[in-house]
Amino acid sequence: MADTFKFELVSPEQLLLSADAVEVTVPGTEGEFGVLADHAAVMSTLRPGIINAKLADGSETSFFVRGGFADVSANGLTLLAEHAVPSAEFDENAMKLQLDEAQAALKAADNDHKRDKAQNLINQLTEFSATMSA
């Protein structure tokens, strides 16, 4: 059996997954990266994208995440997502809703920081949507 590590995916609402994993693919803002057992310690921000996890029990699962942080340590991988849903629940309508919310946040932004954050999210979601359509 392959080496495993502890993997937790947490959203503001709940703990979505806590399991032993063999491999997890993470959409980091600097690019997608894979995590295996004994991975070097790393912290990364997340961009909108799909988390793919191969679990120790042989099953596979995936989630759409929108922003957050990844923390790889000796204890395993913890993903703190701003928003996360199982991939099976994420479709074109969900993407449109995410974009609409980001555009509303841009219109409501009352300072440069909020405007930049909303515009970055719009750009990331648009890029992610294009890769899903391709």
Protein backbone atom coordinates (compact mmCIF):
# COMPACT_ATOMS: atom_id res chain seq x y z
CA MET A 1 0.00 0.00 0.00
CA ALA A 2 1.23 3.51 -0.81
CA ASP A 3 2.24 5.88 1.97
CA THR A 4 -0.60 8.05 3.20
CA PHE A 5 -1.02 11.37 4.96
CA LYS A 6 -3.83 13.17 6.79
CA PHE A 7 -5.94 15.40 4.50
CA GLU A 8 -8.54 17.87 5.73
CA LEU A 9 -10.68 20.22 3.66
CA VAL A 10 -12.41 22.91 5.68
CA SER A 11 -14.82 25.63 4.55
CA PRO A 12 -16.17 28.40 6.78
CA GLU A 13 -19.37 26.39 7.19
CA GLN A 14 -17.98 22.93 7.95
CA LEU A 15 -15.32 20.26 7.80
CA LEU A 16 -15.94 18.79 4.34
CA LEU A 17 -13.42 15.97 4.42
CA SER A 18 -11.03 14.43 6.90
CA ALA A 19 -9.36 11.30 5.58
CA ASP A 20 -6.08 9.56 4.93
CA ALA A 21 -4.97 10.35 1.37
CA VAL A 22 -2.43 8.91 -1.04
CA GLU A 23 -2.33 11.97 -3.33
CA VAL A 24 -4.06 15.35 -3.53
CA THR A 25 -3.87 17.82 -6.43
CA VAL A 26 -4.23 21.46 -5.33
CA PRO A 27 -4.95 24.56 -7.49
CA GLY A 28 -2.38 26.96 -6.02
CA THR A 29 -2.25 30.55 -7.21
CA GLU A 30 1.26 29.94 -8.55
CA GLY A 31 0.12 26.77 -10.32
CA GLU A 32 -1.35 23.38 -9.63
CA PHE A 33 0.70 21.10 -7.36
CA GLY A 34 0.45 17.56 -6.09
CA VAL A 35 0.91 16.46 -2.50
CA LEU A 36 2.14 13.00 -1.53
CA ALA A 37 3.21 11.57 1.83
CA ASP A 38 6.36 13.22 3.23
CA HIS A 39 5.90 16.31 1.01
CA ALA A 40 8.09 19.28 1.93
CA ALA A 41 6.37 21.88 4.11
CA VAL A 42 4.68 24.53 2.01
CA MET A 43 1.99 27.19 2.31
CA SER A 44 0.10 28.45 -0.71
CA THR A 45 -2.94 30.50 -1.51
CA LEU A 46 -5.64 28.82 -3.60
CA ARG A 47 -7.18 29.97 -6.85
CA PRO A 48 -10.59 28.81 -8.05
CA GLY A 49 -10.25 25.24 -9.24
CA ILE A 50 -10.73 21.57 -8.55
CA ILE A 51 -9.13 19.64 -5.69
CA ASN A 52 -8.66 15.99 -6.66
CA ALA A 53 -7.93 13.49 -3.90
CA LYS A 54 -7.01 9.81 -4.08
CA LEU A 55 -7.87 8.39 -0.67
CA ALA A 56 -6.25 5.53 1.22
CA ASP A 57 -9.39 3.39 0.89
CA GLY A 58 -8.99 3.44 -2.91
CA SER A 59 -11.76 5.95 -3.57
CA GLU A 60 -11.35 9.29 -5.31
CA THR A 61 -13.14 12.54 -4.59
CA SER A 62 -13.04 16.08 -5.91
CA PHE A 63 -14.22 19.52 -4.79
CA PHE A 64 -14.48 22.92 -6.41
CA VAL A 65 -12.77 25.54 -4.24
CA ARG A 66 -12.76 29.30 -4.53
CA GLY A 67 -9.83 30.83 -2.75
CA GLY A 68 -8.26 30.00 0.57
CA PHE A 69 -5.00 28.52 1.83
CA ALA A 70 -3.15 25.22 1.62
CA ASP A 71 -0.86 24.18 4.46
CA VAL A 72 1.39 21.18 3.89
CA SER A 73 3.25 20.12 7.04
CA ALA A 74 4.61 17.04 8.74
CA ASN A 75 1.03 16.49 9.98
CA GLY A 76 -0.38 16.32 6.42
CA LEU A 77 -2.38 18.70 4.21
CA THR A 78 -4.98 21.14 5.45
CA LEU A 79 -6.98 23.21 2.97
CA LEU A 80 -8.87 26.19 4.35
CA ALA A 81 -11.21 27.15 1.53
CA GLU A 82 -13.19 30.38 1.32
CA HIS A 83 -15.86 28.37 -0.49
CA ALA A 84 -15.94 24.66 -1.38
CA VAL A 85 -18.50 22.26 -2.83
CA PRO A 86 -18.26 18.70 -4.12
CA SER A 87 -17.46 18.82 -7.85
CA ALA A 88 -20.66 16.90 -8.61
CA GLU A 89 -22.62 19.89 -7.28
CA PHE A 90 -20.64 22.45 -9.29
CA ASP A 91 -21.94 23.18 -12.77
CA GLU A 92 -22.34 26.04 -15.23
CA ASN A 93 -25.12 27.61 -13.12
CA ALA A 94 -22.94 27.52 -10.01
CA MET A 95 -20.11 29.15 -11.97
CA LYS A 96 -22.45 31.90 -13.18
CA LEU A 97 -23.61 32.50 -9.60
CA GLN A 98 -19.99 32.77 -8.42
CA LEU A 99 -19.23 35.28 -11.19
CA ASP A 100 -22.38 37.29 -10.43
CA GLU A 101 -21.40 37.49 -6.74
CA ALA A 102 -17.87 38.61 -7.63
CA GLN A 103 -19.20 41.28 -10.03
CA ALA A 104 -21.60 42.54 -7.35
CA ALA A 105 -18.69 42.73 -4.90
CA LEU A 106 -16.72 44.74 -7.47
CA LYS A 107 -19.58 47.21 -7.92
CA ALA A 108 -20.03 47.54 -4.16
CA ALA A 109 -16.30 47.93 -3.44
CA ASP A 110 -15.57 51.19 -1.63
CA ASN A 111 -11.76 51.00 -1.64
CA ASP A 112 -8.90 49.82 -3.85
CA HIS A 113 -8.25 46.68 -1.80
CA LYS A 114 -11.84 45.46 -2.17
CA ARG A 115 -11.87 46.39 -5.87
CA ASP A 116 -8.60 44.53 -6.50
CA LYS A 117 -9.77 41.46 -4.59
CA ALA A 118 -13.08 41.32 -6.50
CA GLN A 119 -11.39 41.90 -9.87
CA ASN A 120 -8.82 39.19 -9.17
CA LEU A 121 -11.61 36.76 -8.32
CA ILE A 122 -13.47 37.65 -11.53
CA ASN A 123 -10.28 37.08 -13.53
CA GLN A 124 -9.61 33.72 -11.84
CA LEU A 125 -13.19 32.50 -12.26
CA THR A 126 -13.22 33.57 -15.91
CA GLU A 127 -9.94 31.73 -16.51
CA PHE A 128 -11.20 28.64 -14.69
CA SER A 129 -14.47 28.73 -16.65
CA ALA A 130 -12.52 28.85 -19.92
CA THR A 131 -10.48 25.79 -18.93
CA MET A 132 -13.66 23.89 -17.99
CA SER A 133 -15.22 24.74 -21.38
CA ALA A 134 -12.15 23.71 -23.38
